[in-house]
């Protein structure tokens, strides 16, 4: 139900943005005459259509807010989002980098680059000329296995999640903020249309 409401909001935001950024064709103007209760000989302006679509968007938003206010407590959706930089996210990124590095080693031939040989000689406790690609790959695969075990523990433990919150209420607040932002974007165009109408009537 909530996903359907969000879809309708997004669709309506799309129309407002479209009429705010694109010129109107005669076909579009004619299509809106009935909705705006205009006579065939009356002109449909950009302001008329934009104001109409903003009003429709406001109506959809108000219905959404009303439904949220009338819902019973048991209909609430409690959600906890993963925090940016969480342990599981960092571990996944680290594993991806290691696997990419292993792939590059396995797909290449030739001697180990001097910098890598120096680094892994210290890690493996051997001479630099004893460091081979296979030795590095074996070592990195052990680290990948350890990382997978850590990741499994992180996923089982929800401490990396944020605080619980009312998901539907958060969506409502987000839509209200988005609506206010869209109105602010449309306001200059609505104001310009008003000025043109005033100038034409002088």
C-alpha atoms as a PDB file:
ATOM      1  CA  UNK A   1       0.000   0.000   0.000  1.00  0.00           C
ATOM      2  CA  UNK A   2       2.706   2.470   0.968  1.00  0.00           C
ATOM      3  CA  UNK A   3       4.816   1.568  -2.076  1.00  0.00           C
ATOM      4  CA  UNK A   4       1.825   2.335  -4.317  1.00  0.00           C
ATOM      5  CA  UNK A   5       1.378   5.724  -2.627  1.00  0.00           C
ATOM      6  CA  UNK A   6       5.063   6.536  -3.059  1.00  0.00           C
ATOM      7  CA  UNK A   7       4.794   5.610  -6.743  1.00  0.00           C
ATOM      8  CA  UNK A   8       1.873   8.017  -7.263  1.00  0.00           C
ATOM      9  CA  UNK A   9       3.797  10.781  -5.511  1.00  0.00           C
ATOM     10  CA  UNK A  10       6.889  10.170  -7.644  1.00  0.00           C
ATOM     11  CA  UNK A  11       4.767  10.133 -10.800  1.00  0.00           C
ATOM     12  CA  UNK A  12       3.169  13.442  -9.872  1.00  0.00           C
ATOM     13  CA  UNK A  13       6.540  15.011  -8.996  1.00  0.00           C
ATOM     14  CA  UNK A  14       7.691  13.953 -12.439  1.00  0.00           C
ATOM     15  CA  UNK A  15       4.845  15.838 -14.114  1.00  0.00           C
ATOM     16  CA  UNK A  16       5.491  18.994 -12.106  1.00  0.00           C
ATOM     17  CA  UNK A  17       9.178  18.873 -13.023  1.00  0.00           C
ATOM     18  CA  UNK A  18       8.317  18.254 -16.671  1.00  0.00           C
ATOM     19  CA  UNK A  19       6.003  21.268 -16.973  1.00  0.00           C
ATOM     20  CA  UNK A  20       8.512  23.361 -15.048  1.00  0.00           C
ATOM     21  CA  UNK A  21      11.341  22.622 -17.475  1.00  0.00           C
ATOM     22  CA  UNK A  22       9.710  22.042 -20.873  1.00  0.00           C
ATOM     23  CA  UNK A  23       7.747  24.287 -23.246  1.00  0.00           C
ATOM     24  CA  UNK A  24       4.069  23.446 -23.689  1.00  0.00           C
ATOM     25  CA  UNK A  25       2.728  22.240 -27.004  1.00  0.00           C
ATOM     26  CA  UNK A  26      -0.711  23.143 -28.349  1.00  0.00           C
ATOM     27  CA  UNK A  27      -1.712  19.497 -27.903  1.00  0.00           C
ATOM     28  CA  UNK A  28      -0.919  19.636 -24.173  1.00  0.00           C
ATOM     29  CA  UNK A  29      -2.768  22.933 -23.764  1.00  0.00           C
ATOM     30  CA  UNK A  30      -5.845  21.517 -25.481  1.00  0.00           C
ATOM     31  CA  UNK A  31      -5.728  18.391 -23.317  1.00  0.00           C
ATOM     32  CA  UNK A  32      -5.886  20.499 -20.136  1.00  0.00           C
ATOM     33  CA  UNK A  33      -8.820  22.676 -21.196  1.00  0.00           C
ATOM     34  CA  UNK A  34     -11.429  20.205 -19.921  1.00  0.00           C
ATOM     35  CA  UNK A  35      -9.607  19.604 -16.633  1.00  0.00           C
ATOM     36  CA  UNK A  36      -9.298  23.355 -16.087  1.00  0.00           C
ATOM     37  CA  UNK A  37     -12.909  24.025 -17.169  1.00  0.00           C
ATOM     38  CA  UNK A  38     -11.769  26.351 -19.930  1.00  0.00           C
ATOM     39  CA  UNK A  39     -13.924  27.300 -22.888  1.00  0.00           C
ATOM     40  CA  UNK A  40     -12.659  26.269 -26.350  1.00  0.00           C
ATOM     41  CA  UNK A  41     -11.706  29.877 -27.121  1.00  0.00           C
ATOM     42  CA  UNK A  42      -9.842  30.415 -23.828  1.00  0.00           C
ATOM     43  CA  UNK A  43      -6.055  30.103 -23.607  1.00  0.00           C
ATOM     44  CA  UNK A  44      -4.403  27.629 -21.250  1.00  0.00           C
ATOM     45  CA  UNK A  45      -1.214  29.121 -19.835  1.00  0.00           C
ATOM     46  CA  UNK A  46       1.885  27.513 -18.342  1.00  0.00           C
ATOM     47  CA  UNK A  47       0.835  28.882 -14.969  1.00  0.00           C
ATOM     48  CA  UNK A  48      -2.614  27.280 -15.274  1.00  0.00           C
ATOM     49  CA  UNK A  49      -1.166  23.813 -15.887  1.00  0.00           C
ATOM     50  CA  UNK A  50       1.640  24.081 -13.346  1.00  0.00           C
ATOM     51  CA  UNK A  51      -0.706  25.375 -10.644  1.00  0.00           C
ATOM     52  CA  UNK A  52      -3.166  22.578 -11.479  1.00  0.00           C
ATOM     53  CA  UNK A  53      -0.491  19.872 -11.175  1.00  0.00           C
ATOM     54  CA  UNK A  54       0.849  21.352  -7.935  1.00  0.00           C
ATOM     55  CA  UNK A  55      -2.677  21.342  -6.534  1.00  0.00           C
ATOM     56  CA  UNK A  56      -3.065  17.697  -7.547  1.00  0.00           C
ATOM     57  CA  UNK A  57       0.267  16.890  -5.899  1.00  0.00           C
ATOM     58  CA  UNK A  58      -0.846  18.639  -2.722  1.00  0.00           C
ATOM     59  CA  UNK A  59      -4.098  16.656  -2.743  1.00  0.00           C
ATOM     60  CA  UNK A  60      -2.208  13.348  -3.077  1.00  0.00           C
ATOM     61  CA  UNK A  61       0.111  14.366  -0.249  1.00  0.00           C
ATOM     62  CA  UNK A  62      -2.760  15.383   2.033  1.00  0.00           C
ATOM     63  CA  UNK A  63      -4.472  12.036   1.438  1.00  0.00           C
ATOM     64  CA  UNK A  64      -1.252  10.250   2.329  1.00  0.00           C
ATOM     65  CA  UNK A  65      -0.892  12.293   5.540  1.00  0.00           C
ATOM     66  CA  UNK A  66      -4.532  11.632   6.483  1.00  0.00           C
ATOM     67  CA  UNK A  67      -4.136   7.888   6.006  1.00  0.00           C
ATOM     68  CA  UNK A  68      -1.031   7.858   8.178  1.00  0.00           C
ATOM     69  CA  UNK A  69      -2.879   9.728  10.945  1.00  0.00           C
ATOM     70  CA  UNK A  70      -5.799   7.260  10.854  1.00  0.00           C
ATOM     71  CA  UNK A  71      -3.694   4.103  10.973  1.00  0.00           C
ATOM     72  CA  UNK A  72      -3.748   1.886  14.037  1.00  0.00           C
ATOM     73  CA  UNK A  73      -0.574   1.297  16.037  1.00  0.00           C
ATOM     74  CA  UNK A  74      -0.272  -2.292  14.811  1.00  0.00           C
ATOM     75  CA  UNK A  75      -0.031  -1.011  11.214  1.00  0.00           C
ATOM     76  CA  UNK A  76       3.166   0.868  11.977  1.00  0.00           C
ATOM     77  CA  UNK A  77       6.315  -0.266  10.149  1.00  0.00           C
ATOM     78  CA  UNK A  78       9.415  -0.120  12.330  1.00  0.00           C
ATOM     79  CA  UNK A  79      12.664   0.012  10.414  1.00  0.00           C
ATOM     80  CA  UNK A  80      16.342   0.163  11.221  1.00  0.00           C
ATOM     81  CA  UNK A  81      18.754   1.281   8.521  1.00  0.00           C
ATOM     82  CA  UNK A  82      22.344   0.221   8.173  1.00  0.00           C
ATOM     83  CA  UNK A  83      24.621   3.079   9.090  1.00  0.00           C
ATOM     84  CA  UNK A  84      27.148   4.481   6.662  1.00  0.00           C
ATOM     85  CA  UNK A  85      30.555   3.028   7.387  1.00  0.00           C
ATOM     86  CA  UNK A  86      29.165   0.078   9.361  1.00  0.00           C
ATOM     87  CA  UNK A  87      31.388  -2.910  10.093  1.00  0.00           C
ATOM     88  CA  UNK A  88      29.593  -5.119   7.570  1.00  0.00           C
ATOM     89  CA  UNK A  89      29.806  -2.505   4.809  1.00  0.00           C
ATOM     90  CA  UNK A  90      33.502  -1.956   5.433  1.00  0.00           C
ATOM     91  CA  UNK A  91      34.155  -5.699   5.453  1.00  0.00           C
ATOM     92  CA  UNK A  92      32.319  -6.169   2.156  1.00  0.00           C
ATOM     93  CA  UNK A  93      34.372  -3.414   0.534  1.00  0.00           C
ATOM     94  CA  UNK A  94      37.596  -4.879   1.898  1.00  0.00           C
ATOM     95  CA  UNK A  95      36.692  -8.362   0.622  1.00  0.00           C
ATOM     96  CA  UNK A  96      35.858  -6.975  -2.801  1.00  0.00           C
ATOM     97  CA  UNK A  97      39.253  -5.263  -2.994  1.00  0.00           C
ATOM     98  CA  UNK A  98      41.092  -8.422  -1.917  1.00  0.00           C
ATOM     99  CA  UNK A  99      39.229 -10.596  -4.413  1.00  0.00           C
ATOM    100  CA  UNK A 100      39.960  -8.096  -7.178  1.00  0.00           C
ATOM    101  CA  UNK A 101      43.640  -8.115  -6.198  1.00  0.00           C
ATOM    102  CA  UNK A 102      43.739 -11.933  -6.177  1.00  0.00           C
ATOM    103  CA  UNK A 103      42.132 -12.029  -9.617  1.00  0.00           C
ATOM    104  CA  UNK A 104      44.737  -9.641 -11.006  1.00  0.00           C
ATOM    105  CA  UNK A 105      47.564 -11.795  -9.604  1.00  0.00           C
ATOM    106  CA  UNK A 106      46.115 -15.015 -11.001  1.00  0.00           C
ATOM    107  CA  UNK A 107      45.538 -13.538 -14.450  1.00  0.00           C
ATOM    108  CA  UNK A 108      49.093 -12.175 -14.789  1.00  0.00           C
ATOM    109  CA  UNK A 109      52.420 -13.834 -15.463  1.00  0.00           C
ATOM    110  CA  UNK A 110      56.002 -12.853 -14.864  1.00  0.00           C
ATOM    111  CA  UNK A 111      57.947 -11.942 -11.757  1.00  0.00           C
ATOM    112  CA  UNK A 112      56.352 -10.257  -8.778  1.00  0.00           C
ATOM    113  CA  UNK A 113      56.811  -6.456  -8.900  1.00  0.00           C
ATOM    114  CA  UNK A 114      59.590  -5.266  -6.602  1.00  0.00           C
ATOM    115  CA  UNK A 115      57.285  -3.273  -4.296  1.00  0.00           C
ATOM    116  CA  UNK A 116      54.960  -6.248  -3.796  1.00  0.00           C
ATOM    117  CA  UNK A 117      57.871  -8.610  -3.267  1.00  0.00           C
ATOM    118  CA  UNK A 118      59.280  -6.291  -0.594  1.00  0.00           C
ATOM    119  CA  UNK A 119      55.908  -5.984   1.161  1.00  0.00           C
ATOM    120  CA  UNK A 120      55.066  -9.708   1.178  1.00  0.00           C
ATOM    121  CA  UNK A 121      58.595 -10.750   2.110  1.00  0.00           C
ATOM    122  CA  UNK A 122      57.994  -8.985   5.425  1.00  0.00           C
ATOM    123  CA  UNK A 123      54.483 -10.430   5.763  1.00  0.00           C
ATOM    124  CA  UNK A 124      55.492 -13.993   4.903  1.00  0.00           C
ATOM    125  CA  UNK A 125      58.808 -13.867   6.736  1.00  0.00           C
ATOM    126  CA  UNK A 126      60.955 -14.880   3.800  1.00  0.00           C
ATOM    127  CA  UNK A 127      63.515 -13.433   1.413  1.00  0.00           C
ATOM    128  CA  UNK A 128      62.275 -11.094  -1.270  1.00  0.00           C
ATOM    129  CA  UNK A 129      63.369 -13.363  -4.110  1.00  0.00           C
ATOM    130  CA  UNK A 130      61.367 -16.226  -2.557  1.00  0.00           C
ATOM    131  CA  UNK A 131      58.069 -14.366  -2.901  1.00  0.00           C
ATOM    132  CA  UNK A 132      55.940 -15.824  -5.714  1.00  0.00           C
ATOM    133  CA  UNK A 133      52.511 -14.985  -7.075  1.00  0.00           C
ATOM    134  CA  UNK A 134      51.144 -18.255  -5.725  1.00  0.00           C
ATOM    135  CA  UNK A 135      52.470 -17.494  -2.240  1.00  0.00           C
ATOM    136  CA  UNK A 136      50.787 -14.074  -2.265  1.00  0.00           C
ATOM    137  CA  UNK A 137      47.520 -15.559  -3.582  1.00  0.00           C
ATOM    138  CA  UNK A 138      47.514 -18.254  -0.876  1.00  0.00           C
ATOM    139  CA  UNK A 139      48.081 -15.626   1.814  1.00  0.00           C
ATOM    140  CA  UNK A 140      45.375 -13.316   0.474  1.00  0.00           C
ATOM    141  CA  UNK A 141      42.880 -16.193   0.223  1.00  0.00           C
ATOM    142  CA  UNK A 142      43.448 -16.930   3.902  1.00  0.00           C
ATOM    143  CA  UNK A 143      42.622 -13.292   4.667  1.00  0.00           C
ATOM    144  CA  UNK A 144      39.491 -13.539   2.518  1.00  0.00           C
ATOM    145  CA  UNK A 145      38.365 -16.605   4.481  1.00  0.00           C
ATOM    146  CA  UNK A 146      38.919 -14.715   7.752  1.00  0.00           C
ATOM    147  CA  UNK A 147      36.998 -11.741   6.359  1.00  0.00           C
ATOM    148  CA  UNK A 148      34.060 -13.927   5.394  1.00  0.00           C
ATOM    149  CA  UNK A 149      33.895 -15.315   8.921  1.00  0.00           C
ATOM    150  CA  UNK A 150      33.905 -11.771  10.332  1.00  0.00           C
ATOM    151  CA  UNK A 151      31.229 -10.695   7.883  1.00  0.00           C
ATOM    152  CA  UNK A 152      29.025 -13.586   8.957  1.00  0.00           C
ATOM    153  CA  UNK A 153      29.287 -12.434  12.576  1.00  0.00           C
ATOM    154  CA  UNK A 154      28.565  -8.815  11.632  1.00  0.00           C
ATOM    155  CA  UNK A 155      25.429  -9.824   9.716  1.00  0.00           C
ATOM    156  CA  UNK A 156      24.156 -11.934  12.600  1.00  0.00           C
ATOM    157  CA  UNK A 157      24.756  -9.091  15.044  1.00  0.00           C
ATOM    158  CA  UNK A 158      22.480  -6.095  14.403  1.00  0.00           C
ATOM    159  CA  UNK A 159      24.576  -3.604  16.370  1.00  0.00           C
ATOM    160  CA  UNK A 160      25.608  -1.922  13.120  1.00  0.00           C
ATOM    161  CA  UNK A 161      21.993  -0.877  12.482  1.00  0.00           C
ATOM    162  CA  UNK A 162      20.658   2.556  13.357  1.00  0.00           C
ATOM    163  CA  UNK A 163      17.968   3.353  15.877  1.00  0.00           C
ATOM    164  CA  UNK A 164      14.420   2.047  15.194  1.00  0.00           C
ATOM    165  CA  UNK A 165      12.089   4.559  13.562  1.00  0.00           C
ATOM    166  CA  UNK A 166       8.575   4.796  12.136  1.00  0.00           C
ATOM    167  CA  UNK A 167       9.146   4.153   8.433  1.00  0.00           C
ATOM    168  CA  UNK A 168       5.769   5.462   7.238  1.00  0.00           C
ATOM    169  CA  UNK A 169       6.146   8.666   9.253  1.00  0.00           C
ATOM    170  CA  UNK A 170       9.640   9.167   7.852  1.00  0.00           C
ATOM    171  CA  UNK A 171       8.277   8.746   4.326  1.00  0.00           C
ATOM    172  CA  UNK A 172       5.569  11.278   5.070  1.00  0.00           C
ATOM    173  CA  UNK A 173       8.103  13.846   6.305  1.00  0.00           C
ATOM    174  CA  UNK A 174      10.275  13.200   3.254  1.00  0.00           C
ATOM    175  CA  UNK A 175       7.353  13.751   0.874  1.00  0.00           C
ATOM    176  CA  UNK A 176       6.334  16.951   2.675  1.00  0.00           C
ATOM    177  CA  UNK A 177       9.866  18.309   2.363  1.00  0.00           C
ATOM    178  CA  UNK A 178      10.014  17.299  -1.285  1.00  0.00           C
ATOM    179  CA  UNK A 179       6.672  18.997  -1.936  1.00  0.00           C
ATOM    180  CA  UNK A 180       7.864  22.250  -0.348  1.00  0.00           C
ATOM    181  CA  UNK A 181      11.025  22.093  -2.454  1.00  0.00           C
ATOM    182  CA  UNK A 182       8.995  21.579  -5.641  1.00  0.00           C
ATOM    183  CA  UNK A 183       6.718  24.501  -4.796  1.00  0.00           C
ATOM    184  CA  UNK A 184       9.798  26.686  -4.295  1.00  0.00           C
ATOM    185  CA  UNK A 185      11.137  25.633  -7.699  1.00  0.00           C
ATOM    186  CA  UNK A 186       7.805  26.379  -9.380  1.00  0.00           C
ATOM    187  CA  UNK A 187       7.242  29.719  -7.647  1.00  0.00           C
ATOM    188  CA  UNK A 188       9.444  31.834  -9.976  1.00  0.00           C
ATOM    189  CA  UNK A 189       7.580  30.483 -13.004  1.00  0.00           C
ATOM    190  CA  UNK A 190       4.211  31.094 -11.398  1.00  0.00           C
ATOM    191  CA  UNK A 191       5.325  34.601 -10.488  1.00  0.00           C
ATOM    192  CA  UNK A 192       6.535  35.338 -14.019  1.00  0.00           C
ATOM    193  CA  UNK A 193       3.199  34.186 -15.407  1.00  0.00           C
ATOM    194  CA  UNK A 194       1.395  36.501 -12.994  1.00  0.00           C
ATOM    195  CA  UNK A 195       3.543  39.447 -14.123  1.00  0.00           C
ATOM    196  CA  UNK A 196       2.830  38.695 -17.787  1.00  0.00           C
ATOM    197  CA  UNK A 197      -0.900  38.571 -17.109  1.00  0.00           C
ATOM    198  CA  UNK A 198      -0.733  41.877 -15.188  1.00  0.00           C
ATOM    199  CA  UNK A 199       1.228  43.526 -18.009  1.00  0.00           C
ATOM    200  CA  UNK A 200      -1.247  42.301 -20.575  1.00  0.00           C
ATOM    201  CA  UNK A 201      -4.136  43.800 -18.642  1.00  0.00           C
ATOM    202  CA  UNK A 202      -2.642  47.281 -18.448  1.00  0.00           C
END
